[in-house]
Amino acid sequence: MRRLTLVRHAKSGWKDTGQTDFERPLNRRGKRDAPEMGRRLAAWSERPTLVLASPARRAVETTEALIVSWSPRPRVVWEHELYLASADQLLACVHDLEPAHRHVLLVGHNPGLTDFLNRFGEASLERLPTCGIVRLRLWVPEWSDAGWGAASVEQIDTPKSSTL
């Protein structure tokens, strides 16, 4: 069994109109929610050993806040392909995961993340909220064996509630 935990970056803002989308930082709510969601995630069984995250500023800040209190810390890899990735691009990233990792955390963006979740985990979410977390269970021997519908939703948490 393998686990893939998906996290949509925390709430970001457009305070500086001269910033590009890639450079947008977390806003006050995002800075509050991300560490709290990291504490909740740390309380779940079996923490991820690898984090794949978009290098967009809001995803970097979310990732760092999520894992700040974890010990030991997982390895973090900043994957440019995750920035605004489609569901198909996210599946390709899953196929490329190292077999040694049994539980991976993926931090990304909507709408691709919600589309991926609905196709890969056979969920029916309209939209994964900012800083929402979904843990999926996969019954595949290798990451490269995973396809659409290969996972089932094991747990969901959001900043506003513990269930959707």
C-alpha atoms as a PDB file:
ATOM      1  CA  MET A   1       0.000   0.000   0.000  1.00  0.00           C
ATOM      2  CA  ARG A   2       1.075   3.549  -0.773  1.00  0.00           C
ATOM      3  CA  ARG A   3      -0.245   6.910   0.342  1.00  0.00           C
ATOM      4  CA  LEU A   4      -0.363  10.202  -1.491  1.00  0.00           C
ATOM      5  CA  THR A   5      -1.365  13.291   0.450  1.00  0.00           C
ATOM      6  CA  LEU A   6      -2.494  16.295  -1.567  1.00  0.00           C
ATOM      7  CA  VAL A   7      -2.385  19.848  -0.246  1.00  0.00           C
ATOM      8  CA  ARG A   8      -3.602  22.935  -2.011  1.00  0.00           C
ATOM      9  CA  HIS A   9      -1.446  25.948  -1.106  1.00  0.00           C
ATOM     10  CA  ALA A  10      -2.801  28.213   1.635  1.00  0.00           C
ATOM     11  CA  LYS A  11      -4.687  31.443   0.937  1.00  0.00           C
ATOM     12  CA  SER A  12      -2.630  33.995  -0.974  1.00  0.00           C
ATOM     13  CA  GLY A  13      -3.179  37.589  -1.895  1.00  0.00           C
ATOM     14  CA  TRP A  14      -2.668  40.193  -4.592  1.00  0.00           C
ATOM     15  CA  LYS A  15      -1.560  43.024  -2.282  1.00  0.00           C
ATOM     16  CA  ASP A  16       1.269  44.060  -4.611  1.00  0.00           C
ATOM     17  CA  THR A  17      -0.239  44.543  -8.070  1.00  0.00           C
ATOM     18  CA  GLY A  18       3.223  44.438  -9.622  1.00  0.00           C
ATOM     19  CA  GLN A  19       3.727  40.794  -8.685  1.00  0.00           C
ATOM     20  CA  THR A  20       3.333  37.940 -11.088  1.00  0.00           C
ATOM     21  CA  ASP A  21       1.078  35.025 -10.188  1.00  0.00           C
ATOM     22  CA  PHE A  22       4.196  32.950  -9.435  1.00  0.00           C
ATOM     23  CA  GLU A  23       5.426  35.543  -6.896  1.00  0.00           C
ATOM     24  CA  ARG A  24       2.193  35.861  -4.868  1.00  0.00           C
ATOM     25  CA  PRO A  25       2.790  35.356  -1.123  1.00  0.00           C
ATOM     26  CA  LEU A  26       0.448  33.978   1.510  1.00  0.00           C
ATOM     27  CA  ASN A  27      -1.925  36.480   3.045  1.00  0.00           C
ATOM     28  CA  ARG A  28      -2.703  36.747   6.774  1.00  0.00           C
ATOM     29  CA  ARG A  29      -5.208  33.879   6.692  1.00  0.00           C
ATOM     30  CA  GLY A  30      -2.792  31.655   4.767  1.00  0.00           C
ATOM     31  CA  LYS A  31      -0.008  32.328   7.273  1.00  0.00           C
ATOM     32  CA  ARG A  32      -2.382  31.338  10.075  1.00  0.00           C
ATOM     33  CA  ASP A  33      -3.859  28.241   8.387  1.00  0.00           C
ATOM     34  CA  ALA A  34      -0.718  26.547   7.043  1.00  0.00           C
ATOM     35  CA  PRO A  35       1.044  25.900  10.395  1.00  0.00           C
ATOM     36  CA  GLU A  36      -2.232  24.721  11.945  1.00  0.00           C
ATOM     37  CA  MET A  37      -2.816  22.294   9.076  1.00  0.00           C
ATOM     38  CA  GLY A  38       0.781  21.096   9.455  1.00  0.00           C
ATOM     39  CA  ARG A  39       0.100  20.272  13.110  1.00  0.00           C
ATOM     40  CA  ARG A  40      -3.056  18.388  12.146  1.00  0.00           C
ATOM     41  CA  LEU A  41      -1.245  16.527   9.389  1.00  0.00           C
ATOM     42  CA  ALA A  42       1.567  15.595  11.786  1.00  0.00           C
ATOM     43  CA  ALA A  43      -1.009  13.966  14.071  1.00  0.00           C
ATOM     44  CA  TRP A  44      -2.179  11.614  11.315  1.00  0.00           C
ATOM     45  CA  SER A  45      -0.540   8.208  11.208  1.00  0.00           C
ATOM     46  CA  GLU A  46       2.491   7.723   8.969  1.00  0.00           C
ATOM     47  CA  ARG A  47       4.010  11.031   7.947  1.00  0.00           C
ATOM     48  CA  PRO A  48       5.271  11.505   4.385  1.00  0.00           C
ATOM     49  CA  THR A  49       8.960  10.853   3.726  1.00  0.00           C
ATOM     50  CA  LEU A  50       9.015  13.010   0.597  1.00  0.00           C
ATOM     51  CA  VAL A  51       7.384  16.337  -0.241  1.00  0.00           C
ATOM     52  CA  LEU A  52       6.967  17.403  -3.864  1.00  0.00           C
ATOM     53  CA  ALA A  53       5.921  21.023  -4.117  1.00  0.00           C
ATOM     54  CA  SER A  54       5.413  23.749  -6.644  1.00  0.00           C
ATOM     55  CA  PRO A  55       8.138  26.411  -6.438  1.00  0.00           C
ATOM     56  CA  ALA A  56       5.559  29.238  -6.642  1.00  0.00           C
ATOM     57  CA  ARG A  57       6.018  31.496  -3.612  1.00  0.00           C
ATOM     58  CA  ARG A  58       2.618  30.674  -2.055  1.00  0.00           C
ATOM     59  CA  ALA A  59       3.297  26.926  -2.345  1.00  0.00           C
ATOM     60  CA  VAL A  60       6.819  27.309  -0.911  1.00  0.00           C
ATOM     61  CA  GLU A  61       5.501  29.297   2.058  1.00  0.00           C
ATOM     62  CA  THR A  62       2.737  26.730   2.597  1.00  0.00           C
ATOM     63  CA  THR A  63       5.161  23.811   2.447  1.00  0.00           C
ATOM     64  CA  GLU A  64       7.612  25.387   4.863  1.00  0.00           C
ATOM     65  CA  ALA A  65       4.828  26.233   7.329  1.00  0.00           C
ATOM     66  CA  LEU A  66       3.337  22.730   7.086  1.00  0.00           C
ATOM     67  CA  ILE A  67       6.547  20.924   8.012  1.00  0.00           C
ATOM     68  CA  VAL A  68       8.218  23.486  10.304  1.00  0.00           C
ATOM     69  CA  SER A  69       7.549  21.456  13.454  1.00  0.00           C
ATOM     70  CA  TRP A  70       8.030  17.967  12.007  1.00  0.00           C
ATOM     71  CA  SER A  71      10.866  15.813  13.243  1.00  0.00           C
ATOM     72  CA  PRO A  72      12.387  14.237  11.344  1.00  0.00           C
ATOM     73  CA  ARG A  73      11.714  16.493   8.404  1.00  0.00           C
ATOM     74  CA  PRO A  74      10.884  14.878   5.084  1.00  0.00           C
ATOM     75  CA  ARG A  75      12.963  15.527   1.998  1.00  0.00           C
ATOM     76  CA  VAL A  76      11.510  18.430  -0.015  1.00  0.00           C
ATOM     77  CA  VAL A  77      11.790  18.643  -3.810  1.00  0.00           C
ATOM     78  CA  TRP A  78      10.632  21.782  -5.624  1.00  0.00           C
ATOM     79  CA  GLU A  79       9.117  20.632  -8.928  1.00  0.00           C
ATOM     80  CA  HIS A  80       8.502  23.362 -11.495  1.00  0.00           C
ATOM     81  CA  GLU A  81       6.147  20.983 -13.340  1.00  0.00           C
ATOM     82  CA  LEU A  82       3.721  21.282 -10.403  1.00  0.00           C
ATOM     83  CA  TYR A  83       3.149  25.009 -10.955  1.00  0.00           C
ATOM     84  CA  LEU A  84      -0.406  25.184 -12.329  1.00  0.00           C
ATOM     85  CA  ALA A  85      -0.132  21.532 -13.413  1.00  0.00           C
ATOM     86  CA  SER A  86      -3.058  19.762 -15.061  1.00  0.00           C
ATOM     87  CA  ALA A  87      -4.381  16.453 -13.757  1.00  0.00           C
ATOM     88  CA  ASP A  88      -2.418  14.618 -16.470  1.00  0.00           C
ATOM     89  CA  GLN A  89       0.801  16.406 -15.479  1.00  0.00           C
ATOM     90  CA  LEU A  90       0.210  15.492 -11.828  1.00  0.00           C
ATOM     91  CA  LEU A  91      -0.292  11.848 -12.773  1.00  0.00           C
ATOM     92  CA  ALA A  92       3.016  11.936 -14.661  1.00  0.00           C
ATOM     93  CA  CYS A  93       4.704  13.270 -11.494  1.00  0.00           C
ATOM     94  CA  VAL A  94       3.197  10.407  -9.488  1.00  0.00           C
ATOM     95  CA  HIS A  95       4.522   7.893 -12.029  1.00  0.00           C
ATOM     96  CA  ASP A  96       8.025   9.331 -11.567  1.00  0.00           C
ATOM     97  CA  LEU A  97       8.080   8.983  -7.771  1.00  0.00           C
ATOM     98  CA  GLU A  98      10.899   6.941  -6.269  1.00  0.00           C
ATOM     99  CA  PRO A  99       9.653   3.466  -5.297  1.00  0.00           C
ATOM    100  CA  ALA A 100      11.300   3.673  -1.853  1.00  0.00           C
ATOM    101  CA  HIS A 101       8.824   6.345  -0.755  1.00  0.00           C
ATOM    102  CA  ARG A 102       5.603   4.791   0.552  1.00  0.00           C
ATOM    103  CA  HIS A 103       3.959   8.103   1.497  1.00  0.00           C
ATOM    104  CA  VAL A 104       4.418  11.316  -0.482  1.00  0.00           C
ATOM    105  CA  LEU A 105       3.025  14.789   0.137  1.00  0.00           C
ATOM    106  CA  LEU A 106       2.248  16.854  -2.967  1.00  0.00           C
ATOM    107  CA  VAL A 107       1.654  20.623  -2.633  1.00  0.00           C
ATOM    108  CA  GLY A 108       0.066  22.270  -5.655  1.00  0.00           C
ATOM    109  CA  HIS A 109      -2.600  24.466  -7.182  1.00  0.00           C
ATOM    110  CA  ASN A 110      -6.173  24.429  -8.405  1.00  0.00           C
ATOM    111  CA  PRO A 111      -7.855  23.675 -10.719  1.00  0.00           C
ATOM    112  CA  GLY A 112      -5.457  20.841 -11.581  1.00  0.00           C
ATOM    113  CA  LEU A 113      -5.266  19.496  -8.033  1.00  0.00           C
ATOM    114  CA  THR A 114      -9.044  19.150  -7.671  1.00  0.00           C
ATOM    115  CA  ASP A 115      -9.347  17.589 -11.134  1.00  0.00           C
ATOM    116  CA  PHE A 116      -6.542  15.146 -10.270  1.00  0.00           C
ATOM    117  CA  LEU A 117      -8.201  14.250  -6.958  1.00  0.00           C
ATOM    118  CA  ASN A 118     -11.560  13.623  -8.594  1.00  0.00           C
ATOM    119  CA  ARG A 119     -10.088  11.435 -11.340  1.00  0.00           C
ATOM    120  CA  PHE A 120      -7.340   9.680  -9.382  1.00  0.00           C
ATOM    121  CA  GLY A 121      -9.193   9.232  -6.094  1.00  0.00           C
ATOM    122  CA  GLU A 122     -12.665   9.011  -7.579  1.00  0.00           C
ATOM    123  CA  ALA A 123     -13.781  11.894  -5.377  1.00  0.00           C
ATOM    124  CA  SER A 124     -16.482  14.367  -6.256  1.00  0.00           C
ATOM    125  CA  LEU A 125     -15.251  17.651  -4.842  1.00  0.00           C
ATOM    126  CA  GLU A 126     -16.276  20.844  -6.571  1.00  0.00           C
ATOM    127  CA  ARG A 127     -13.132  22.587  -5.341  1.00  0.00           C
ATOM    128  CA  LEU A 128     -10.393  21.657  -2.874  1.00  0.00           C
ATOM    129  CA  PRO A 129     -10.220  24.708  -0.573  1.00  0.00           C
ATOM    130  CA  THR A 130      -7.020  26.588   0.120  1.00  0.00           C
ATOM    131  CA  CYS A 131      -4.833  24.634   2.540  1.00  0.00           C
ATOM    132  CA  GLY A 132      -7.187  21.664   2.191  1.00  0.00           C
ATOM    133  CA  ILE A 133      -5.558  18.269   2.729  1.00  0.00           C
ATOM    134  CA  VAL A 134      -6.624  14.940   1.239  1.00  0.00           C
ATOM    135  CA  ARG A 135      -4.855  11.677   1.960  1.00  0.00           C
ATOM    136  CA  LEU A 136      -5.285   8.957  -0.642  1.00  0.00           C
ATOM    137  CA  ARG A 137      -4.604   5.244  -0.303  1.00  0.00           C
ATOM    138  CA  LEU A 138      -3.262   3.349  -3.305  1.00  0.00           C
ATOM    139  CA  TRP A 139      -3.147  -0.406  -3.657  1.00  0.00           C
ATOM    140  CA  VAL A 140      -0.414  -0.550  -6.294  1.00  0.00           C
ATOM    141  CA  PRO A 141       3.025  -2.154  -6.039  1.00  0.00           C
ATOM    142  CA  GLU A 142       4.780   0.754  -7.786  1.00  0.00           C
ATOM    143  CA  TRP A 143       3.906   4.412  -8.283  1.00  0.00           C
ATOM    144  CA  SER A 144       4.218   3.875 -12.020  1.00  0.00           C
ATOM    145  CA  ASP A 145       1.310   1.379 -11.852  1.00  0.00           C
ATOM    146  CA  ALA A 146      -1.129   4.029 -10.629  1.00  0.00           C
ATOM    147  CA  GLY A 147      -3.786   5.231 -13.049  1.00  0.00           C
ATOM    148  CA  TRP A 148      -7.112   7.026 -12.923  1.00  0.00           C
ATOM    149  CA  GLY A 149      -9.254   5.549 -10.181  1.00  0.00           C
ATOM    150  CA  ALA A 150      -6.276   3.832  -8.540  1.00  0.00           C
ATOM    151  CA  ALA A 151      -6.760   5.545  -5.187  1.00  0.00           C
ATOM    152  CA  SER A 152      -9.426   5.948  -2.557  1.00  0.00           C
ATOM    153  CA  VAL A 153      -9.908   8.907  -0.253  1.00  0.00           C
ATOM    154  CA  GLU A 154      -8.732   7.999   3.236  1.00  0.00           C
ATOM    155  CA  GLN A 155      -8.960  11.326   5.037  1.00  0.00           C
ATOM    156  CA  ILE A 156      -9.869  14.957   4.315  1.00  0.00           C
ATOM    157  CA  ASP A 157      -9.243  18.055   6.404  1.00  0.00           C
ATOM    158  CA  THR A 158      -9.646  21.770   5.755  1.00  0.00           C
ATOM    159  CA  PRO A 159      -8.883  24.861   7.844  1.00  0.00           C
ATOM    160  CA  LYS A 160     -12.602  25.457   8.453  1.00  0.00           C
ATOM    161  CA  SER A 161     -13.562  21.916   9.431  1.00  0.00           C
ATOM    162  CA  SER A 162     -12.238  18.395   9.772  1.00  0.00           C
ATOM    163  CA  THR A 163     -14.572  16.967   7.146  1.00  0.00           C
ATOM    164  CA  LEU A 164     -16.047  18.106   3.849  1.00  0.00           C
END
